[in-house]
Amino acid sequence: MRLQRMGRTINAFRSWMAETLSHAMGNPREEKMTIPPAIGPQPYSDIPKSAR
């Protein structure tokens, strides 16, 4: 009984440690999805309207 509880505790610690390292190191797949916008002048794409 005691060994089972200790085994579960060790497994819980291992999964917590893996998740912590995953957050600390970053996930390249997630980082590619959150690319920041380009910096610098952007092409003008608004349709001009008359001032009337």
Protein backbone atom coordinates (compact mmCIF):
# COMPACT_ATOMS: atom_id res chain seq x y z
CA MET A 1 0.00 0.00 0.00
CA ARG A 2 2.72 2.43 0.96
CA LEU A 3 4.78 1.61 -2.16
CA GLN A 4 1.76 2.23 -4.41
CA ARG A 5 1.19 5.63 -2.83
CA MET A 6 4.87 6.50 -3.19
CA GLY A 7 4.80 5.37 -6.84
CA ARG A 8 1.80 7.61 -7.55
CA THR A 9 3.55 10.51 -5.84
CA ILE A 10 6.67 9.98 -7.94
CA ASN A 11 4.61 9.73 -11.14
CA ALA A 12 2.71 12.89 -10.24
CA PHE A 13 6.00 14.68 -9.60
CA ARG A 14 7.43 13.45 -12.93
CA SER A 15 4.39 14.67 -14.89
CA TRP A 16 4.47 18.02 -13.04
CA MET A 17 8.18 18.37 -13.82
CA ALA A 18 7.62 17.53 -17.51
CA GLU A 19 4.82 20.10 -17.77
CA THR A 20 6.95 22.72 -16.00
CA LEU A 21 9.87 22.16 -18.37
CA SER A 22 7.52 22.29 -21.34
CA HIS A 23 6.29 25.72 -20.25
CA ALA A 24 9.79 26.96 -19.41
CA MET A 25 11.41 25.82 -22.67
CA GLY A 26 8.50 26.79 -24.89
CA ASN A 27 6.61 24.84 -27.50
CA PRO A 28 7.89 25.57 -31.03
CA ARG A 29 4.55 24.55 -32.56
CA GLU A 30 2.68 27.11 -30.43
CA GLU A 31 5.29 29.79 -31.05
CA LYS A 32 4.90 29.47 -34.82
CA MET A 33 1.15 30.08 -34.46
CA THR A 34 1.69 33.36 -32.58
CA ILE A 35 4.01 35.19 -34.96
CA PRO A 36 4.02 38.94 -34.25
CA PRO A 37 3.01 41.38 -37.00
CA ALA A 38 5.65 42.77 -39.33
CA ILE A 39 7.42 45.90 -38.12
CA GLY A 40 7.84 48.89 -40.40
CA PRO A 41 5.75 50.63 -43.05
CA GLN A 42 2.83 48.62 -44.30
CA PRO A 43 1.24 48.98 -47.74
CA TYR A 44 -1.79 51.27 -47.86
CA SER A 45 -4.85 49.10 -48.31
CA ASP A 46 -7.77 51.35 -47.32
CA ILE A 47 -10.29 52.36 -50.01
CA PRO A 48 -10.32 56.18 -50.21
CA LYS A 49 -13.73 57.83 -49.82
CA SER A 50 -14.73 61.26 -50.96
CA ALA A 51 -15.02 64.00 -48.32
CA ARG A 52 -18.58 64.86 -49.34
